[in-house]
């Protein structure tokens, strides 16, 4: 069985151009001043998971952080 790999070659100029575009305001907002990226159910689920206290975790927490 033969195998092949594909490796891209990027010049310093191409990397500099990519950095310029990625750090540009146009990567985050449109010309109508609206955000390009939108939050959906994933953002809500992530916040829930970050703030969830499971009963098994309560034994590892100090008393000042245990919620009733």
N, C-alpha and C. Protein backbone atom coordinates (compact mmCIF):
# COMPACT_ATOMS: atom_id res chain seq x y z
N UNK A 1 0.84 -1.17 0.00
CA UNK A 1 0.00 0.00 0.00
C UNK A 1 0.89 1.24 0.00
N UNK A 2 0.62 2.14 -0.89
CA UNK A 2 1.40 3.37 -0.98
C UNK A 2 0.78 4.46 -0.11
N UNK A 3 1.64 5.33 0.38
CA UNK A 3 1.18 6.46 1.19
C UNK A 3 1.78 7.73 0.62
N UNK A 4 1.04 8.79 0.76
CA UNK A 4 1.53 10.10 0.31
C UNK A 4 1.15 11.14 1.35
N UNK A 5 1.98 12.14 1.49
CA UNK A 5 1.69 13.25 2.38
C UNK A 5 1.71 14.54 1.59
N UNK A 6 0.92 15.48 2.04
CA UNK A 6 0.89 16.79 1.40
C UNK A 6 1.30 17.80 2.45
N UNK A 7 2.32 18.56 2.16
CA UNK A 7 2.80 19.58 3.08
C UNK A 7 2.80 20.91 2.37
N UNK A 8 2.12 21.87 2.97
CA UNK A 8 2.07 23.20 2.39
C UNK A 8 3.34 23.97 2.70
N UNK A 9 3.76 24.79 1.79
CA UNK A 9 4.93 25.64 2.00
C UNK A 9 4.45 27.08 2.07
N UNK A 10 4.72 27.73 3.19
CA UNK A 10 4.27 29.10 3.39
C UNK A 10 5.49 30.01 3.53
N UNK A 11 5.45 31.09 2.82
CA UNK A 11 6.54 32.05 2.89
C UNK A 11 6.33 32.96 4.09
N UNK A 12 7.37 33.68 4.46
CA UNK A 12 7.25 34.65 5.54
C UNK A 12 6.24 35.73 5.18
N UNK A 13 6.20 36.11 3.90
CA UNK A 13 5.25 37.13 3.45
C UNK A 13 3.82 36.62 3.59
N UNK A 14 3.58 35.35 3.26
CA UNK A 14 2.23 34.79 3.38
C UNK A 14 1.81 34.71 4.84
N UNK A 15 2.72 34.33 5.72
CA UNK A 15 2.40 34.29 7.15
C UNK A 15 2.13 35.69 7.69
N UNK A 16 2.88 36.69 7.24
CA UNK A 16 2.66 38.07 7.68
C UNK A 16 1.30 38.56 7.21
N UNK A 17 0.92 38.22 5.98
CA UNK A 17 -0.39 38.61 5.46
C UNK A 17 -1.51 37.93 6.24
N UNK A 18 -1.34 36.67 6.57
CA UNK A 18 -2.33 35.95 7.36
C UNK A 18 -2.48 36.57 8.74
N UNK A 19 -1.39 36.90 9.40
CA UNK A 19 -1.45 37.55 10.71
C UNK A 19 -2.18 38.89 10.62
N UNK A 20 -1.90 39.64 9.56
CA UNK A 20 -2.55 40.95 9.39
C UNK A 20 -4.06 40.78 9.24
N UNK A 21 -4.50 39.81 8.45
CA UNK A 21 -5.93 39.60 8.23
C UNK A 21 -6.59 39.07 9.51
N UNK A 22 -5.94 38.14 10.20
CA UNK A 22 -6.54 37.56 11.40
C UNK A 22 -6.68 38.57 12.52
N UNK A 23 -5.77 39.53 12.61
CA UNK A 23 -5.82 40.54 13.68
C UNK A 23 -6.63 41.77 13.27
N UNK A 24 -7.14 41.77 12.06
CA UNK A 24 -7.92 42.89 11.56
C UNK A 24 -9.30 42.91 12.20
N UNK A 25 -9.87 44.10 12.34
CA UNK A 25 -11.22 44.23 12.88
C UNK A 25 -12.23 43.56 11.97
N UNK A 26 -11.95 43.47 10.69
CA UNK A 26 -12.88 42.86 9.75
C UNK A 26 -13.00 41.35 9.97
N UNK A 27 -12.13 40.78 10.76
CA UNK A 27 -12.24 39.36 11.09
C UNK A 27 -13.28 39.14 12.19
N UNK A 28 -13.72 40.23 12.85
CA UNK A 28 -14.65 40.12 13.97
C UNK A 28 -15.98 40.81 13.72
N UNK A 29 -15.99 41.89 12.93
CA UNK A 29 -17.22 42.62 12.67
C UNK A 29 -17.40 42.83 11.17
N UNK A 30 -18.65 43.01 10.75
CA UNK A 30 -18.94 43.28 9.35
C UNK A 30 -18.89 44.79 9.12
N UNK A 31 -19.07 45.19 7.88
CA UNK A 31 -19.09 46.62 7.58
C UNK A 31 -20.33 47.29 8.17
N UNK A 32 -21.32 46.50 8.58
CA UNK A 32 -22.53 47.04 9.23
C UNK A 32 -22.38 47.04 10.75
N UNK A 33 -21.17 46.86 11.26
CA UNK A 33 -20.86 46.85 12.69
C UNK A 33 -21.60 45.76 13.46
N UNK A 34 -21.79 44.62 12.84
CA UNK A 34 -22.38 43.46 13.51
C UNK A 34 -21.34 42.37 13.62
N UNK A 35 -21.43 41.60 14.68
CA UNK A 35 -20.48 40.53 14.90
C UNK A 35 -20.59 39.44 13.85
N UNK A 36 -19.45 38.93 13.43
CA UNK A 36 -19.44 37.85 12.45
C UNK A 36 -19.80 36.53 13.13
N UNK A 37 -19.27 36.33 14.32
CA UNK A 37 -19.52 35.08 15.04
C UNK A 37 -20.74 35.26 15.95
N UNK A 38 -21.60 34.28 15.95
CA UNK A 38 -22.77 34.34 16.81
C UNK A 38 -22.72 33.22 17.83
N UNK A 39 -23.33 33.46 18.97
CA UNK A 39 -23.40 32.45 20.02
C UNK A 39 -24.71 31.70 19.89
N UNK A 40 -24.64 30.43 20.11
CA UNK A 40 -25.86 29.61 20.06
C UNK A 40 -26.02 28.84 21.34
N UNK A 41 -26.60 27.69 21.23
CA UNK A 41 -26.82 26.84 22.39
C UNK A 41 -25.52 26.36 23.01
N UNK A 42 -24.45 26.30 22.21
CA UNK A 42 -23.18 25.84 22.74
C UNK A 42 -22.65 26.78 23.82
N UNK A 43 -22.83 28.07 23.64
CA UNK A 43 -22.37 29.04 24.64
C UNK A 43 -23.14 28.88 25.95
N UNK A 44 -24.43 28.69 25.85
CA UNK A 44 -25.26 28.49 27.04
C UNK A 44 -24.86 27.20 27.75
N UNK A 45 -24.66 26.14 27.00
CA UNK A 45 -24.26 24.86 27.58
C UNK A 45 -22.89 24.96 28.24
N UNK A 46 -21.98 25.69 27.63
CA UNK A 46 -20.64 25.86 28.20
C UNK A 46 -20.69 26.59 29.52
N UNK A 47 -21.48 27.66 29.60
CA UNK A 47 -21.61 28.40 30.86
C UNK A 47 -22.24 27.53 31.94
N UNK A 48 -23.23 26.75 31.57
CA UNK A 48 -23.86 25.84 32.53
C UNK A 48 -22.84 24.84 33.06
N UNK A 49 -22.05 24.24 32.15
CA UNK A 49 -21.06 23.25 32.57
C UNK A 49 -19.97 23.87 33.44
N UNK A 50 -19.60 25.11 33.18
CA UNK A 50 -18.57 25.76 33.97
C UNK A 50 -19.05 26.09 35.38
N UNK A 51 -20.34 26.31 35.56
CA UNK A 51 -20.85 26.69 36.87
C UNK A 51 -21.54 25.55 37.61
N UNK A 52 -21.62 24.38 37.02
CA UNK A 52 -22.29 23.23 37.63
C UNK A 52 -21.44 22.67 38.77
N UNK A 53 -22.07 22.42 39.90
CA UNK A 53 -21.41 21.77 41.03
C UNK A 53 -22.02 20.39 41.21
N UNK A 54 -21.23 19.38 40.98
CA UNK A 54 -21.69 18.01 41.14
C UNK A 54 -21.48 17.61 42.60
N UNK A 55 -22.36 16.77 43.13
CA UNK A 55 -22.28 16.38 44.53
C UNK A 55 -20.92 15.81 44.90
N UNK A 56 -20.32 15.04 44.00
CA UNK A 56 -19.01 14.46 44.30
C UNK A 56 -17.93 15.55 44.42
N UNK A 57 -18.13 16.66 43.74
CA UNK A 57 -17.15 17.74 43.78
C UNK A 57 -17.24 18.54 45.08
N UNK A 58 -18.38 18.50 45.76
CA UNK A 58 -18.56 19.28 46.99
C UNK A 58 -17.57 18.87 48.07
N UNK A 59 -17.20 17.60 48.11
CA UNK A 59 -16.27 17.14 49.14
C UNK A 59 -14.87 17.72 48.93
N UNK A 60 -14.57 18.12 47.70
CA UNK A 60 -13.26 18.68 47.39
C UNK A 60 -13.21 20.19 47.59
N UNK A 61 -14.38 20.81 47.80
CA UNK A 61 -14.44 22.26 47.93
C UNK A 61 -14.36 22.68 49.39
N UNK A 62 -13.84 23.87 49.62
CA UNK A 62 -13.84 24.39 50.98
C UNK A 62 -15.27 24.79 51.33
N UNK A 63 -15.57 24.86 52.62
CA UNK A 63 -16.94 25.14 53.06
C UNK A 63 -17.45 26.49 52.56
N UNK A 64 -16.59 27.46 52.36
CA UNK A 64 -17.04 28.78 51.92
C UNK A 64 -17.57 28.75 50.49
N UNK A 65 -17.23 27.72 49.70
CA UNK A 65 -17.67 27.64 48.32
C UNK A 65 -18.81 26.67 48.09
N UNK A 66 -19.21 25.94 49.10
CA UNK A 66 -20.29 24.97 48.94
C UNK A 66 -21.61 25.72 48.98
N UNK A 67 -22.42 25.54 47.96
CA UNK A 67 -23.70 26.22 47.86
C UNK A 67 -24.80 25.31 48.37
N UNK A 68 -25.77 25.90 49.05
CA UNK A 68 -26.87 25.10 49.58
C UNK A 68 -27.94 24.87 48.55
